[in-house]
C-alpha atoms as a PDB file:
ATOM      1  CA  MET A   1      -0.025  36.218   3.802  1.00  0.00           C
ATOM      2  CA  HIS A   2      -4.389  35.721   2.124  1.00  0.00           C
ATOM      3  CA  GLU A   3      -5.714  34.693  -0.868  1.00  0.00           C
ATOM      4  CA  THR A   4      -8.420  36.408  -2.499  1.00  0.00           C
ATOM      5  CA  GLU A   5     -10.622  35.109  -5.552  1.00  0.00           C
ATOM      6  CA  TYR A   6     -10.162  36.957  -8.681  1.00  0.00           C
ATOM      7  CA  LYS A   7     -12.631  36.619 -12.521  1.00  0.00           C
ATOM      8  CA  THR A   8      -9.375  38.217 -14.016  1.00  0.00           C
ATOM      9  CA  ILE A   9      -5.109  38.139 -14.026  1.00  0.00           C
ATOM     10  CA  LEU A  10      -4.260  40.343 -16.833  1.00  0.00           C
ATOM     11  CA  SER A  11      -5.617  43.774 -17.480  1.00  0.00           C
ATOM     12  CA  PRO A  12      -7.826  44.986 -20.737  1.00  0.00           C
ATOM     13  CA  MET A  13      -3.528  45.977 -21.133  1.00  0.00           C
ATOM     14  CA  ASN A  14      -2.469  43.138 -20.232  1.00  0.00           C
ATOM     15  CA  HIS A  15      -0.872  43.656 -17.261  1.00  0.00           C
ATOM     16  CA  MET A  16      -0.364  40.993 -14.052  1.00  0.00           C
ATOM     17  CA  ASN A  17       0.227  41.197 -10.711  1.00  0.00           C
ATOM     18  CA  LEU A  18      -0.189  37.698  -9.621  1.00  0.00           C
ATOM     19  CA  TYR A  19       0.469  39.024  -5.738  1.00  0.00           C
ATOM     20  CA  ARG A  20      -0.760  42.726  -4.066  1.00  0.00           C
ATOM     21  CA  GLY A  21       1.204  44.535  -1.019  1.00  0.00           C
ATOM     22  CA  CYS A  22       4.711  44.083  -0.764  1.00  0.00           C
ATOM     23  CA  THR A  23       7.560  43.720   2.185  1.00  0.00           C
ATOM     24  CA  HIS A  24      10.533  45.225   0.382  1.00  0.00           C
ATOM     25  CA  GLY A  25      10.189  48.301   2.504  1.00  0.00           C
ATOM     26  CA  CYS A  26      11.125  50.573   0.243  1.00  0.00           C
ATOM     27  CA  ILE A  27      10.036  54.773   2.235  1.00  0.00           C
ATOM     28  CA  TYR A  28       8.555  56.391  -0.499  1.00  0.00           C
ATOM     29  CA  CYS A  29       5.918  53.092  -2.583  1.00  0.00           C
ATOM     30  CA  ASP A  30       3.536  55.269  -4.100  1.00  0.00           C
ATOM     31  CA  SER A  31       0.913  51.877  -4.053  1.00  0.00           C
ATOM     32  CA  ARG A  32       0.155  52.730   0.118  1.00  0.00           C
ATOM     33  CA  SER A  33      -2.106  54.939  -1.785  1.00  0.00           C
ATOM     34  CA  THR A  34      -5.358  54.858  -1.054  1.00  0.00           C
ATOM     35  CA  CYS A  35      -6.596  54.838  -4.261  1.00  0.00           C
ATOM     36  CA  TYR A  36      -5.183  51.962  -5.110  1.00  0.00           C
ATOM     37  CA  GLN A  37      -8.376  50.912  -2.428  1.00  0.00           C
ATOM     38  CA  MET A  38      -6.114  48.161  -1.159  1.00  0.00           C
ATOM     39  CA  ASP A  39      -8.451  46.836   2.440  1.00  0.00           C
ATOM     40  CA  HIS A  40      -5.532  45.022   4.421  1.00  0.00           C
ATOM     41  CA  ASP A  41      -2.468  45.979   5.754  1.00  0.00           C
ATOM     42  CA  PHE A  42       0.105  46.173   2.908  1.00  0.00           C
ATOM     43  CA  GLU A  43       2.625  44.285   4.605  1.00  0.00           C
ATOM     44  CA  GLU A  44       0.368  41.684   4.669  1.00  0.00           C
ATOM     45  CA  ILE A  45       0.087  39.633   0.977  1.00  0.00           C
ATOM     46  CA  GLU A  46      -3.034  39.267  -1.050  1.00  0.00           C
ATOM     47  CA  VAL A  47      -2.717  35.974  -3.414  1.00  0.00           C
ATOM     48  CA  LYS A  48      -4.646  36.249  -6.516  1.00  0.00           C
ATOM     49  CA  LYS A  49      -6.973  32.463  -5.858  1.00  0.00           C
ATOM     50  CA  ASP A  50      -6.023  30.179  -8.379  1.00  0.00           C
ATOM     51  CA  ALA A  51      -4.340  32.701 -10.025  1.00  0.00           C
ATOM     52  CA  LEU A  52      -2.281  30.320 -12.710  1.00  0.00           C
ATOM     53  CA  THR A  53      -5.385  28.483 -13.452  1.00  0.00           C
ATOM     54  CA  ILE A  54      -6.742  31.929 -15.154  1.00  0.00           C
ATOM     55  CA  LEU A  55      -3.476  33.576 -16.716  1.00  0.00           C
ATOM     56  CA  GLU A  56      -3.315  30.078 -18.874  1.00  0.00           C
ATOM     57  CA  ALA A  57      -7.649  30.446 -19.578  1.00  0.00           C
ATOM     58  CA  GLN A  58      -6.598  34.372 -20.772  1.00  0.00           C
ATOM     59  CA  LEU A  59      -3.534  33.041 -22.930  1.00  0.00           C
ATOM     60  CA  ARG A  60      -5.748  30.533 -24.635  1.00  0.00           C
ATOM     61  CA  ARG A  61      -7.823  32.945 -25.361  1.00  0.00           C
ATOM     62  CA  LYS A  62      -5.824  35.339 -27.059  1.00  0.00           C
ATOM     63  CA  ARG A  63      -6.025  36.595 -30.859  1.00  0.00           C
ATOM     64  CA  LYS A  64      -2.636  36.546 -31.589  1.00  0.00           C
ATOM     65  CA  PRO A  65       0.710  36.967 -28.714  1.00  0.00           C
ATOM     66  CA  CYS A  66       1.607  40.013 -27.339  1.00  0.00           C
ATOM     67  CA  MET A  67       4.090  41.521 -24.453  1.00  0.00           C
ATOM     68  CA  ILE A  68       2.705  40.520 -21.182  1.00  0.00           C
ATOM     69  CA  SER A  69       3.960  42.890 -18.480  1.00  0.00           C
ATOM     70  CA  THR A  70       4.316  42.603 -14.910  1.00  0.00           C
ATOM     71  CA  GLY A  71       5.835  44.617 -11.467  1.00  0.00           C
ATOM     72  CA  ALA A  72       4.271  47.728 -11.430  1.00  0.00           C
ATOM     73  CA  MET A  73       1.734  47.076  -8.746  1.00  0.00           C
ATOM     74  CA  CYS A  74       4.154  44.583  -7.246  1.00  0.00           C
ATOM     75  CA  ASP A  75       7.877  43.193  -6.931  1.00  0.00           C
ATOM     76  CA  PRO A  76       6.872  40.055  -8.417  1.00  0.00           C
ATOM     77  CA  TYR A  77       9.471  38.861  -6.208  1.00  0.00           C
ATOM     78  CA  ILE A  78       8.594  38.829  -2.390  1.00  0.00           C
ATOM     79  CA  PRO A  79      10.111  36.087  -0.601  1.00  0.00           C
ATOM     80  CA  LEU A  80       7.551  34.839  -0.422  1.00  0.00           C
ATOM     81  CA  GLU A  81       7.674  34.447  -4.782  1.00  0.00           C
ATOM     82  CA  LEU A  82      10.223  31.445  -3.157  1.00  0.00           C
ATOM     83  CA  ASP A  83       7.620  29.200  -1.478  1.00  0.00           C
ATOM     84  CA  LEU A  84       4.775  30.519  -3.582  1.00  0.00           C
ATOM     85  CA  GLN A  85       6.473  30.314  -7.553  1.00  0.00           C
ATOM     86  CA  LEU A  86       3.788  32.634  -8.884  1.00  0.00           C
ATOM     87  CA  THR A  87       5.544  34.074 -10.995  1.00  0.00           C
ATOM     88  CA  ARG A  88       8.641  30.912 -12.837  1.00  0.00           C
ATOM     89  CA  GLY A  89       4.428  30.335 -12.750  1.00  0.00           C
ATOM     90  CA  SER A  90       3.463  32.833 -15.511  1.00  0.00           C
ATOM     91  CA  LEU A  91       6.333  32.908 -16.667  1.00  0.00           C
ATOM     92  CA  GLU A  92       6.559  28.943 -18.260  1.00  0.00           C
ATOM     93  CA  LEU A  93       3.092  29.903 -19.368  1.00  0.00           C
ATOM     94  CA  ILE A  94       3.702  32.857 -21.341  1.00  0.00           C
ATOM     95  CA  GLU A  95       7.174  30.839 -23.068  1.00  0.00           C
ATOM     96  CA  HIS A  96       4.317  26.980 -23.174  1.00  0.00           C
ATOM     97  CA  TYR A  97       2.188  29.522 -25.473  1.00  0.00           C
ATOM     98  CA  GLY A  98       4.526  31.944 -27.140  1.00  0.00           C
ATOM     99  CA  PHE A  99       4.272  34.775 -25.666  1.00  0.00           C
ATOM    100  CA  GLY A 100       6.482  37.717 -24.985  1.00  0.00           C
ATOM    101  CA  VAL A 101       7.173  39.305 -21.244  1.00  0.00           C
ATOM    102  CA  ALA A 102       7.231  42.611 -20.015  1.00  0.00           C
ATOM    103  CA  ILE A 103       9.011  42.463 -16.076  1.00  0.00           C
ATOM    104  CA  GLN A 104      10.178  44.869 -13.529  1.00  0.00           C
ATOM    105  CA  THR A 105      11.462  43.872 -10.156  1.00  0.00           C
ATOM    106  CA  LYS A 106      14.065  45.699  -7.749  1.00  0.00           C
ATOM    107  CA  SER A 107      15.215  41.802  -6.664  1.00  0.00           C
ATOM    108  CA  ASN A 108      18.044  39.830  -7.720  1.00  0.00           C
ATOM    109  CA  ARG A 109      15.727  36.498  -7.032  1.00  0.00           C
ATOM    110  CA  ILE A 110      15.030  37.334 -10.832  1.00  0.00           C
ATOM    111  CA  LEU A 111      17.888  34.853 -11.414  1.00  0.00           C
ATOM    112  CA  ARG A 112      16.229  32.202 -10.477  1.00  0.00           C
ATOM    113  CA  ASP A 113      14.602  32.678 -13.642  1.00  0.00           C
ATOM    114  CA  LEU A 114      17.117  33.050 -16.111  1.00  0.00           C
ATOM    115  CA  ASP A 115      16.093  30.089 -18.301  1.00  0.00           C
ATOM    116  CA  LEU A 116      12.658  30.752 -18.688  1.00  0.00           C
ATOM    117  CA  LEU A 117      14.378  34.387 -19.676  1.00  0.00           C
ATOM    118  CA  LYS A 118      16.251  33.153 -21.839  1.00  0.00           C
ATOM    119  CA  ARG A 119      13.899  31.029 -23.727  1.00  0.00           C
ATOM    120  CA  ILE A 120      11.503  33.343 -23.989  1.00  0.00           C
ATOM    121  CA  ASN A 121      14.090  35.870 -25.555  1.00  0.00           C
ATOM    122  CA  ALA A 122      15.147  33.090 -28.165  1.00  0.00           C
ATOM    123  CA  ARG A 123      11.539  32.880 -28.921  1.00  0.00           C
ATOM    124  CA  THR A 124      10.582  36.524 -28.775  1.00  0.00           C
ATOM    125  CA  LYS A 125      10.990  39.580 -26.797  1.00  0.00           C
ATOM    126  CA  ALA A 126      11.773  39.421 -22.738  1.00  0.00           C
ATOM    127  CA  VAL A 127      12.300  42.661 -21.112  1.00  0.00           C
ATOM    128  CA  VAL A 128      14.466  42.575 -17.611  1.00  0.00           C
ATOM    129  CA  GLN A 129      13.061  45.997 -16.264  1.00  0.00           C
ATOM    130  CA  ILE A 130      15.422  46.660 -13.189  1.00  0.00           C
ATOM    131  CA  THR A 131      14.304  49.651 -10.904  1.00  0.00           C
ATOM    132  CA  LEU A 132      16.870  52.235  -9.177  1.00  0.00           C
ATOM    133  CA  THR A 133      16.999  55.215  -6.750  1.00  0.00           C
ATOM    134  CA  THR A 134      20.581  56.071  -5.239  1.00  0.00           C
ATOM    135  CA  HIS A 135      23.715  54.806  -5.921  1.00  0.00           C
ATOM    136  CA  ASP A 136      25.084  55.069  -2.341  1.00  0.00           C
ATOM    137  CA  GLU A 137      24.176  51.545  -0.915  1.00  0.00           C
ATOM    138  CA  ALA A 138      24.346  52.778   2.764  1.00  0.00           C
ATOM    139  CA  LEU A 139      21.138  54.601   1.656  1.00  0.00           C
ATOM    140  CA  CYS A 140      19.925  52.362   0.174  1.00  0.00           C
ATOM    141  CA  ARG A 141      19.588  50.149   3.300  1.00  0.00           C
ATOM    142  CA  VAL A 142      17.535  53.304   5.222  1.00  0.00           C
ATOM    143  CA  ILE A 143      15.241  54.142   1.712  1.00  0.00           C
ATOM    144  CA  GLU A 144      15.007  50.435   0.534  1.00  0.00           C
ATOM    145  CA  PRO A 145      15.300  48.279   3.421  1.00  0.00           C
ATOM    146  CA  HIS A 146      14.756  45.050   3.032  1.00  0.00           C
ATOM    147  CA  VAL A 147      15.448  44.281  -0.923  1.00  0.00           C
ATOM    148  CA  SER A 148      18.261  43.759  -2.776  1.00  0.00           C
ATOM    149  CA  THR A 149      21.133  46.387  -3.173  1.00  0.00           C
ATOM    150  CA  THR A 150      21.957  48.644  -5.760  1.00  0.00           C
ATOM    151  CA  SER A 151      24.950  46.892  -6.437  1.00  0.00           C
ATOM    152  CA  GLU A 152      23.781  43.413  -6.361  1.00  0.00           C
ATOM    153  CA  ARG A 153      20.177  45.211  -8.624  1.00  0.00           C
ATOM    154  CA  ILE A 154      23.222  45.643 -11.656  1.00  0.00           C
ATOM    155  CA  SER A 155      25.105  42.799 -11.197  1.00  0.00           C
ATOM    156  CA  VAL A 156      21.343  41.575 -12.419  1.00  0.00           C
ATOM    157  CA  LEU A 157      21.838  44.324 -14.983  1.00  0.00           C
ATOM    158  CA  GLU A 158      25.249  42.617 -16.234  1.00  0.00           C
ATOM    159  CA  THR A 159      24.023  39.029 -15.898  1.00  0.00           C
ATOM    160  CA  MET A 160      21.225  40.172 -18.573  1.00  0.00           C
ATOM    161  CA  ARG A 161      24.287  41.553 -20.314  1.00  0.00           C
ATOM    162  CA  ASP A 162      25.195  38.897 -20.716  1.00  0.00           C
ATOM    163  CA  GLU A 163      22.617  36.515 -21.817  1.00  0.00           C
ATOM    164  CA  GLY A 164      21.555  38.910 -24.711  1.00  0.00           C
ATOM    165  CA  ILE A 165      18.633  40.657 -22.647  1.00  0.00           C
ATOM    166  CA  PRO A 166      17.621  43.754 -22.691  1.00  0.00           C
ATOM    167  CA  THR A 167      16.800  45.931 -19.939  1.00  0.00           C
ATOM    168  CA  VAL A 168      14.595  48.873 -18.955  1.00  0.00           C
ATOM    169  CA  VAL A 169      16.362  51.097 -15.987  1.00  0.00           C
ATOM    170  CA  TRP A 170      13.684  53.008 -13.831  1.00  0.00           C
ATOM    171  CA  LEU A 171      15.454  55.655 -13.151  1.00  0.00           C
ATOM    172  CA  SER A 172      12.576  56.302 -10.074  1.00  0.00           C
ATOM    173  CA  PRO A 173      12.126  57.909  -7.927  1.00  0.00           C
ATOM    174  CA  ILE A 174      15.023  60.466  -7.110  1.00  0.00           C
ATOM    175  CA  LEU A 175      14.393  62.018  -3.245  1.00  0.00           C
ATOM    176  CA  PRO A 176      14.377  66.114  -3.534  1.00  0.00           C
ATOM    177  CA  LEU A 177      17.135  66.355  -0.571  1.00  0.00           C
ATOM    178  CA  ILE A 178      18.137  63.245  -0.377  1.00  0.00           C
ATOM    179  CA  ASN A 179      20.057  61.429  -2.939  1.00  0.00           C
ATOM    180  CA  ASP A 180      18.981  64.674  -5.761  1.00  0.00           C
ATOM    181  CA  THR A 181      22.486  64.496  -6.796  1.00  0.00           C
ATOM    182  CA  ASP A 182      24.631  64.425  -9.805  1.00  0.00           C
ATOM    183  CA  GLU A 183      27.694  62.450  -8.020  1.00  0.00           C
ATOM    184  CA  ASN A 184      24.195  59.981  -7.829  1.00  0.00           C
ATOM    185  CA  LEU A 185      22.783  60.653 -11.761  1.00  0.00           C
ATOM    186  CA  ARG A 186      26.723  59.882 -12.940  1.00  0.00           C
ATOM    187  CA  GLY A 187      26.803  56.852 -10.692  1.00  0.00           C
ATOM    188  CA  PHE A 188      23.589  54.687 -12.336  1.00  0.00           C
ATOM    189  CA  LEU A 189      24.587  56.901 -15.708  1.00  0.00           C
ATOM    190  CA  ASP A 190      27.559  55.507 -15.664  1.00  0.00           C
ATOM    191  CA  ALA A 191      26.182  51.736 -14.488  1.00  0.00           C
ATOM    192  CA  CYS A 192      23.785  51.326 -17.364  1.00  0.00           C
ATOM    193  CA  ILE A 193      26.231  52.386 -20.307  1.00  0.00           C
ATOM    194  CA  ARG A 194      28.470  49.576 -18.664  1.00  0.00           C
ATOM    195  CA  THR A 195      25.799  47.211 -18.898  1.00  0.00           C
ATOM    196  CA  ARG A 196      24.390  48.758 -22.037  1.00  0.00           C
ATOM    197  CA  VAL A 197      21.035  49.516 -20.499  1.00  0.00           C
ATOM    198  CA  HIS A 198      18.145  49.745 -23.694  1.00  0.00           C
ATOM    199  CA  GLY A 199      15.762  52.740 -21.931  1.00  0.00           C
ATOM    200  CA  ILE A 200      15.838  54.361 -19.183  1.00  0.00           C
ATOM    201  CA  ILE A 201      12.254  55.383 -17.943  1.00  0.00           C
ATOM    202  CA  ASN A 202      12.807  58.975 -16.277  1.00  0.00           C
ATOM    203  CA  PHE A 203       9.173  60.812 -15.132  1.00  0.00           C
ATOM    204  CA  GLY A 204      11.539  63.538 -13.650  1.00  0.00           C
ATOM    205  CA  PHE A 205      13.609  63.996 -11.247  1.00  0.00           C
ATOM    206  CA  GLY A 206      11.467  63.639  -7.960  1.00  0.00           C
ATOM    207  CA  LEU A 207       8.402  62.232  -5.941  1.00  0.00           C
ATOM    208  CA  THR A 208       5.324  61.467  -6.016  1.00  0.00           C
ATOM    209  CA  LEU A 209       2.786  61.729  -2.773  1.00  0.00           C
ATOM    210  CA  ARG A 210      -0.409  61.525  -1.835  1.00  0.00           C
ATOM    211  CA  ASP A 211      -2.435  59.801   0.561  1.00  0.00           C
ATOM    212  CA  GLY A 212      -1.892  57.065   1.833  1.00  0.00           C
ATOM    213  CA  ASN A 213       1.754  56.511   1.189  1.00  0.00           C
ATOM    214  CA  ARG A 214       2.453  60.797   1.863  1.00  0.00           C
ATOM    215  CA  ASP A 215       2.419  59.548   5.566  1.00  0.00           C
ATOM    216  CA  TYR A 216       4.299  56.197   5.918  1.00  0.00           C
ATOM    217  CA  PHE A 217       7.137  58.450   3.959  1.00  0.00           C
ATOM    218  CA  TYR A 218       6.748  61.117   6.403  1.00  0.00           C
ATOM    219  CA  GLN A 219       6.270  59.084   9.185  1.00  0.00           C
ATOM    220  CA  GLN A 220      10.014  57.069   7.625  1.00  0.00           C
ATOM    221  CA  LEU A 221      12.087  61.149   7.074  1.00  0.00           C
ATOM    222  CA  ASP A 222      11.388  62.168  10.635  1.00  0.00           C
ATOM    223  CA  GLN A 223      13.402  58.241  11.560  1.00  0.00           C
ATOM    224  CA  HIS A 224      16.025  58.281   9.015  1.00  0.00           C
ATOM    225  CA  PHE A 225      16.348  61.991   7.888  1.00  0.00           C
ATOM    226  CA  PRO A 226      14.907  64.681  11.172  1.00  0.00           C
ATOM    227  CA  GLY A 227      13.970  67.909  10.309  1.00  0.00           C
ATOM    228  CA  VAL A 228      14.017  67.150   6.046  1.00  0.00           C
ATOM    229  CA  LYS A 229      10.340  66.366   6.779  1.00  0.00           C
ATOM    230  CA  ASP A 230       9.630  69.771   7.385  1.00  0.00           C
ATOM    231  CA  GLN A 231      11.036  71.112   4.332  1.00  0.00           C
ATOM    232  CA  TYR A 232       8.918  69.171   2.304  1.00  0.00           C
ATOM    233  CA  ILE A 233       5.924  70.309   3.762  1.00  0.00           C
ATOM    234  CA  HIS A 234       7.225  73.466   3.980  1.00  0.00           C
ATOM    235  CA  ARG A 235       8.294  73.887  -0.527  1.00  0.00           C
ATOM    236  CA  PHE A 236       5.359  71.302  -1.514  1.00  0.00           C
ATOM    237  CA  GLY A 237       2.608  71.082   1.008  1.00  0.00           C
ATOM    238  CA  ASN A 238       0.421  68.518  -0.468  1.00  0.00           C
ATOM    239  CA  ALA A 239       1.010  68.885  -3.928  1.00  0.00           C
ATOM    240  CA  TYR A 240       1.274  65.728  -5.724  1.00  0.00           C
ATOM    241  CA  GLU A 241       4.439  65.838  -7.147  1.00  0.00           C
ATOM    242  CA  CYS A 242       7.338  66.856  -5.780  1.00  0.00           C
ATOM    243  CA  ARG A 243      10.117  67.714  -7.730  1.00  0.00           C
ATOM    244  CA  SER A 244      14.044  68.375  -7.039  1.00  0.00           C
ATOM    245  CA  PRO A 245      15.070  72.181  -6.623  1.00  0.00           C
ATOM    246  CA  ASN A 246      18.353  70.109  -8.892  1.00  0.00           C
ATOM    247  CA  HIS A 247      15.946  69.027 -11.930  1.00  0.00           C
ATOM    248  CA  ALA A 248      16.515  71.128 -14.737  1.00  0.00           C
ATOM    249  CA  ARG A 249      20.710  70.532 -14.140  1.00  0.00           C
ATOM    250  CA  LEU A 250      19.666  66.815 -13.534  1.00  0.00           C
ATOM    251  CA  MET A 251      17.905  65.989 -16.412  1.00  0.00           C
ATOM    252  CA  SER A 252      20.594  67.904 -18.644  1.00  0.00           C
ATOM    253  CA  ILE A 253      22.886  65.682 -17.805  1.00  0.00           C
ATOM    254  CA  PHE A 254      20.309  62.762 -18.177  1.00  0.00           C
ATOM    255  CA  ASN A 255      19.532  63.702 -21.424  1.00  0.00           C
ATOM    256  CA  SER A 256      23.406  64.975 -22.836  1.00  0.00           C
ATOM    257  CA  VAL A 257      24.087  61.850 -21.479  1.00  0.00           C
ATOM    258  CA  CYS A 258      22.019  58.939 -22.996  1.00  0.00           C
ATOM    259  CA  SER A 259      22.485  60.711 -26.307  1.00  0.00           C
ATOM    260  CA  GLU A 260      26.134  60.404 -26.377  1.00  0.00           C
ATOM    261  CA  ASN A 261      25.253  56.276 -25.334  1.00  0.00           C
ATOM    262  CA  SER A 262      22.052  55.521 -28.020  1.00  0.00           C
ATOM    263  CA  ILE A 263      20.398  54.962 -24.637  1.00  0.00           C
ATOM    264  CA  LEU A 264      16.284  54.940 -25.512  1.00  0.00           C
ATOM    265  CA  THR A 265      14.690  57.848 -23.695  1.00  0.00           C
ATOM    266  CA  GLY A 266      10.981  59.064 -23.296  1.00  0.00           C
ATOM    267  CA  PRO A 267       8.773  57.108 -21.257  1.00  0.00           C
ATOM    268  CA  ASP A 268       6.463  57.035 -24.241  1.00  0.00           C
ATOM    269  CA  THR A 269       9.306  55.734 -26.035  1.00  0.00           C
ATOM    270  CA  VAL A 270      10.298  53.694 -24.095  1.00  0.00           C
ATOM    271  CA  PHE A 271       6.877  52.140 -22.996  1.00  0.00           C
ATOM    272  CA  ALA A 272       6.202  51.189 -26.961  1.00  0.00           C
ATOM    273  CA  TYR A 273       9.632  49.788 -27.047  1.00  0.00           C
ATOM    274  CA  LEU A 274       8.058  47.104 -23.977  1.00  0.00           C
ATOM    275  CA  LYS A 275       4.820  47.157 -25.567  1.00  0.00           C
ATOM    276  CA  THR A 276       5.974  45.579 -29.175  1.00  0.00           C
ATOM    277  CA  PHE A 277       5.892  41.934 -29.817  1.00  0.00           C
ATOM    278  CA  GLU A 278       8.531  40.645 -31.993  1.00  0.00           C
ATOM    279  CA  GLU A 279       9.009  37.803 -33.550  1.00  0.00           C
ATOM    280  CA  LYS A 280      12.005  35.926 -33.851  1.00  0.00           C
ATOM    281  CA  ASN A 281      11.884  32.193 -33.990  1.00  0.00           C
ATOM    282  CA  ARG A 282       8.288  30.648 -33.770  1.00  0.00           C
ATOM    283  CA  GLN A 283       8.551  27.177 -33.804  1.00  0.00           C
ATOM    284  CA  LEU A 284       5.267  26.395 -31.735  1.00  0.00           C
ATOM    285  CA  SER A 285       2.450  27.878 -32.479  1.00  0.00           C
ATOM    286  CA  PHE A 286       0.338  29.634 -29.292  1.00  0.00           C
ATOM    287  CA  LEU A 287      -2.606  27.605 -28.957  1.00  0.00           C
ATOM    288  CA  THR A 288      -1.449  24.519 -28.922  1.00  0.00           C
END
């Protein structure tokens, strides 16, 4: 871990990342890509110095409350969060100033902050986004070795359902030749129906590979799935998008099941929902 000075925490689009780097060990992680210009080892976590002070100043300068999103580039519930509590501190500020939040994670550590999420959702909107990739618990431990298992993440969805907090699932990535099966997809969709997920973000069935994450992914394929790397090289070459040969069939199943169960789909549609601020009970001014 090391600290780095930053001038801002919120991007112009109100995205927030308190950490850079991750220790979850997911073999496919796009955030390893060299295009993000991370000048330290990916597992060496960069902590943004005085992050909460900077965030509070930015929130106070906002003319009106909006949705704040976090978790796209770095999971807000990496193990280091248990000690530093920057994610919890940011949620406290978001709640205090009357903003909404859309928070994405693969960790059931988010349950620690259930009290804050409930308070935010009572006033406006708190959306918990959970990434799911494989319904097979053993496979999950291989491709996502240091994070909550699929069943633990589904338990988070169940808790949020019971607490009235809306959820969105990221069905991503689906790894060609590894977990791109009907059985895997239907297992996910059954869980989403049972937990009353509001929407599912699905960019298609496959994954993206570019310099940095491709190298790491291929190393892991050699270790855990002998021979599969050669099939990737033969089928995809250096392509950025590696689409499953089962894409059309899986997409047909996905669209049909989601439509039948009124689950929001289409990335643009779901993102619009995540960005829409909803005022329920405005008792405190966000300028206080």
